[in-house]
Protein backbone atom coordinates (compact mmCIF):
# COMPACT_ATOMS: atom_id res chain seq x y z
CA MET A 1 136.16 -134.92 -144.97
CA LYS A 2 137.64 -138.06 -146.51
CA ASN A 3 140.38 -138.22 -143.86
CA TYR A 4 137.80 -137.72 -141.13
CA LEU A 5 135.67 -140.60 -142.45
CA ILE A 6 138.68 -142.92 -142.68
CA ALA A 7 139.67 -142.08 -139.12
CA PHE A 8 136.14 -142.77 -137.92
CA LEU A 9 135.98 -146.15 -139.68
CA VAL A 10 139.35 -147.14 -138.25
CA CYS A 11 138.13 -146.25 -134.78
CA ALA A 12 134.95 -148.27 -135.23
CA SER A 13 136.99 -151.27 -136.33
CA MET A 14 139.30 -150.96 -133.33
CA VAL A 15 136.36 -150.85 -130.91
CA SER A 16 134.78 -153.95 -132.45
CA HIS A 17 138.02 -155.90 -131.99
CA ALA A 18 138.89 -154.62 -128.51
CA GLN A 19 139.21 -157.50 -126.05
CA THR A 20 137.97 -155.66 -122.99
CA VAL A 21 136.37 -152.34 -122.17
CA ASP A 22 139.40 -151.29 -120.13
CA GLU A 23 141.74 -151.97 -123.04
CA ALA A 24 139.50 -149.97 -125.35
CA LEU A 25 139.44 -147.04 -122.92
CA GLN A 26 143.19 -147.03 -122.32
CA THR A 27 144.07 -147.32 -126.00
CA THR A 28 141.68 -144.54 -126.96
CA LEU A 29 142.83 -142.22 -124.19
CA THR A 30 146.42 -142.69 -125.35
CA GLN A 31 145.28 -141.95 -128.91
CA PHE A 32 143.49 -138.80 -127.79
CA TYR A 33 146.49 -137.44 -125.91
CA ALA A 34 148.87 -138.27 -128.77
CA ALA A 35 146.74 -136.71 -131.52
CA ALA A 36 148.44 -133.62 -132.89
CA ASP A 37 145.55 -132.19 -134.91
CA PRO A 38 141.76 -131.73 -134.66
CA ILE A 39 141.07 -134.71 -136.94
CA GLY A 40 143.00 -137.04 -134.67
CA LYS A 41 141.35 -135.63 -131.55
CA SER A 42 137.89 -135.92 -133.11
CA ALA A 43 138.58 -139.51 -134.17
CA ALA A 44 139.40 -140.41 -130.57
CA VAL A 45 136.30 -138.61 -129.31
CA ASN A 46 134.17 -140.57 -131.76
CA ARG A 47 135.77 -143.78 -130.62
CA PHE A 48 134.93 -142.96 -127.01
CA GLN A 49 131.33 -142.44 -128.13
CA LEU A 50 131.33 -145.87 -129.78
CA ILE A 51 132.78 -147.41 -126.63
CA ALA A 52 130.06 -145.77 -124.52
CA ASN A 53 127.43 -147.08 -126.91
CA LYS A 54 128.85 -150.61 -126.81
CA TRP A 55 129.29 -150.74 -123.03
CA ASN A 56 126.36 -148.53 -122.18
CA THR A 57 125.98 -149.64 -118.55
CA ASP A 58 129.62 -149.10 -117.61
CA TRP A 59 130.19 -145.80 -115.79
CA ALA A 60 133.79 -145.50 -117.01
CA THR A 61 132.85 -145.49 -120.69
CA HIS A 62 130.52 -142.53 -120.13
CA TYR A 63 133.01 -140.78 -117.86
CA TYR A 64 135.77 -140.77 -120.47
CA ALA A 65 133.37 -139.79 -123.24
CA ALA A 66 132.42 -136.84 -121.04
CA TYR A 67 136.04 -136.07 -120.24
CA VAL A 68 137.25 -135.79 -123.83
CA LYS A 69 134.18 -133.82 -124.89
CA THR A 70 134.81 -131.42 -122.03
CA LEU A 71 138.37 -130.89 -123.26
CA MET A 72 137.16 -130.42 -126.83
CA GLY A 73 134.68 -127.83 -125.61
CA ALA A 74 137.36 -126.05 -123.61
CA ASN A 75 139.54 -125.72 -126.72
CA GLU A 76 136.70 -124.72 -129.05
CA THR A 77 136.50 -121.03 -129.95
CA GLU A 78 132.93 -120.95 -131.26
CA ALA A 79 130.42 -120.57 -128.42
CA SER A 80 127.70 -122.74 -129.97
CA LYS A 81 130.15 -125.62 -130.46
CA LYS A 82 131.48 -125.24 -126.91
CA ILE A 83 127.94 -125.46 -125.57
CA ALA A 84 127.20 -128.54 -127.69
CA TYR A 85 130.29 -130.34 -126.37
CA PHE A 86 129.43 -129.45 -122.78
CA ASP A 87 125.81 -130.54 -123.23
CA GLU A 88 126.93 -133.91 -124.59
CA ALA A 89 129.47 -134.29 -121.78
CA GLU A 90 126.83 -133.65 -119.14
CA LYS A 91 124.56 -136.31 -120.62
CA HIS A 92 127.40 -138.82 -120.33
CA LEU A 93 128.06 -137.74 -116.74
CA GLU A 94 124.43 -138.39 -115.86
CA ALA A 95 124.78 -141.86 -117.36
CA ALA A 96 127.98 -142.37 -115.37
CA LYS A 97 126.17 -141.41 -112.15
CA ASN A 98 123.31 -143.78 -112.95
CA ASN A 99 125.71 -146.68 -113.49
CA SER A 100 127.96 -146.26 -110.45
CA THR A 101 127.91 -145.71 -106.73
CA ALA A 102 129.17 -142.42 -105.29
CA ASN A 103 131.95 -141.34 -107.64
CA ASP A 104 134.00 -138.26 -106.75
CA ASP A 105 135.55 -137.77 -110.18
CA VAL A 106 132.16 -137.63 -111.85
CA TYR A 107 131.24 -134.71 -109.58
CA VAL A 108 134.61 -133.04 -110.20
CA LEU A 109 134.12 -133.14 -113.97
CA THR A 110 130.58 -131.81 -113.58
CA ALA A 111 131.98 -128.91 -111.57
CA MET A 112 134.63 -128.30 -114.22
CA ILE A 113 131.98 -127.91 -116.92
CA ALA A 114 129.99 -125.51 -114.73
CA SER A 115 133.07 -123.32 -114.26
CA MET A 116 133.63 -123.23 -118.02
CA ARG A 117 130.03 -122.25 -118.68
CA ILE A 118 130.61 -119.08 -116.67
CA GLY A 119 132.94 -117.93 -119.44
CA ILE A 120 130.18 -118.44 -121.99
CA PHE A 121 127.37 -116.99 -119.88
CA PRO A 122 128.98 -114.39 -117.57
CA ASP A 123 125.56 -112.98 -116.72
CA GLN A 124 124.66 -116.37 -115.23
CA TRP A 125 127.80 -116.63 -113.07
CA GLN A 126 125.78 -117.07 -109.86
CA LYS A 127 123.84 -120.03 -111.26
CA TYR A 128 126.93 -121.87 -112.47
CA SER A 129 128.95 -120.91 -109.39
CA GLU A 130 126.32 -122.68 -107.30
CA VAL A 131 126.51 -125.76 -109.54
CA PHE A 132 130.30 -125.68 -109.22
CA ALA A 133 130.20 -125.37 -105.43
CA PHE A 134 127.57 -128.11 -105.02
CA ASN A 135 129.51 -130.64 -107.07
CA MET A 136 132.82 -129.82 -105.43
CA LYS A 137 131.20 -130.33 -102.03
CA LYS A 138 129.82 -133.71 -103.14
CA ALA A 139 133.24 -134.75 -104.44
CA LYS A 140 134.91 -133.83 -101.14
CA GLU A 141 132.33 -135.77 -99.17
CA ILE A 142 133.21 -138.88 -101.16
CA ARG A 143 137.02 -138.52 -101.33
CA LYS A 144 138.65 -135.35 -100.08
CA GLU A 145 142.07 -136.63 -101.22
CA ASN A 146 141.13 -136.23 -104.89
CA PRO A 147 143.77 -133.82 -106.28
CA ARG A 148 141.48 -132.58 -109.06
CA ILE A 149 139.25 -130.98 -106.42
CA TYR A 150 142.04 -128.65 -105.31
CA TYR A 151 143.31 -128.14 -108.85
CA LEU A 152 139.89 -126.81 -109.88
CA GLU A 153 139.63 -124.69 -106.73
CA GLY A 154 143.03 -123.25 -107.54
CA MET A 155 141.98 -122.53 -111.11
CA SER A 156 138.85 -120.83 -109.84
CA LYS A 157 140.89 -118.63 -107.50
CA PHE A 158 143.46 -117.86 -110.18
CA TYR A 159 140.87 -116.43 -112.56
CA THR A 160 138.96 -114.56 -109.85
CA PRO A 161 139.98 -110.89 -109.52
CA GLU A 162 142.11 -110.10 -106.46
CA ALA A 163 139.47 -107.65 -105.32
CA TYR A 164 137.12 -110.61 -104.88
CA GLY A 165 139.59 -112.85 -103.09
CA GLY A 166 141.31 -114.36 -106.11
CA GLY A 167 144.62 -114.05 -107.88
CA LYS A 168 147.92 -115.92 -107.89
CA LYS A 169 148.59 -115.78 -104.16
CA SER A 170 145.14 -117.08 -103.32
CA ALA A 171 145.35 -119.86 -105.91
CA LEU A 172 148.78 -121.19 -105.01
CA PRO A 173 147.91 -123.00 -101.72
CA TYR A 174 145.16 -124.97 -103.48
CA LEU A 175 147.45 -125.93 -106.34
CA GLN A 176 150.20 -126.96 -103.94
CA LYS A 177 147.75 -129.12 -102.03
CA ALA A 178 146.66 -130.68 -105.31
CA ALA A 179 150.32 -131.42 -106.11
CA GLU A 180 150.68 -133.33 -102.82
CA TYR A 181 147.73 -135.55 -103.70
CA PHE A 182 148.79 -135.94 -107.33
CA ALA A 183 152.10 -137.35 -106.07
CA LEU A 184 150.17 -140.18 -104.43
CA GLU A 185 148.25 -141.12 -107.57
CA SER A 186 149.05 -143.80 -110.12
CA ASP A 187 148.07 -143.72 -113.79
CA THR A 188 148.11 -147.50 -114.23
CA ASP A 189 144.40 -148.09 -113.64
CA ILE A 190 142.09 -146.59 -116.26
CA ARG A 191 139.21 -146.82 -113.78
CA LYS A 192 140.96 -144.40 -111.47
CA PRO A 193 141.12 -141.08 -113.35
CA SER A 194 144.51 -139.40 -113.05
CA TRP A 195 144.31 -136.36 -115.32
CA GLY A 196 145.38 -132.89 -114.23
CA LYS A 197 148.88 -133.37 -112.80
CA LYS A 198 150.73 -131.68 -115.65
CA GLN A 199 148.24 -128.83 -115.85
CA ASN A 200 148.50 -128.31 -112.10
CA GLU A 201 152.29 -128.08 -112.32
CA GLU A 202 151.98 -125.47 -115.07
CA MET A 203 149.57 -123.42 -112.95
CA ILE A 204 151.94 -123.52 -109.97
CA LYS A 205 154.70 -122.08 -112.18
CA LYS A 206 152.38 -119.26 -113.27
CA CYS A 207 151.54 -118.47 -109.65
CA GLU A 208 155.19 -118.40 -108.66
CA GLU A 209 156.27 -116.08 -111.47
């Protein structure tokens, strides 16, 4: 608890001294990726929350707060905690939508959460499948070259039984298409999300095994 509190206070101090919102986002994202334990990850998540609070009308602050909370939820084993993370992430995504024009990556992340909720509520698969499909469609309408669209479609196919049109062979074309678009992306602009490339490469390897 003491270490957690210290980490939180350090994060709060760093946010207060950050020169720009983009610098705060980039530094915190680097911190989140580099963290090797739950305390470090949680400290970065808390810092993203502080950044979103400070720059409350900036879509990117809410987007990244949603992004890290989605990842935390994905890695959480307790259902109630997973749900809490996803609920918080969706609130941030609504704020991101309200503070930006049409934004494909906001819809992609919304779809990602919907797909993960199916694992928690399998009896509600139809409901969340519809949410997934709606948001993926919206993302494609805005920017069909977004690689995360095809990465998520590939993931969806991968975990769908072959009897229902899924499996490795069905997933691979989507993942390969994602790889083509990932190759065109740059990770130098924090306002242009670039996550998913490494995960997509790992999924391609699984499909080719």
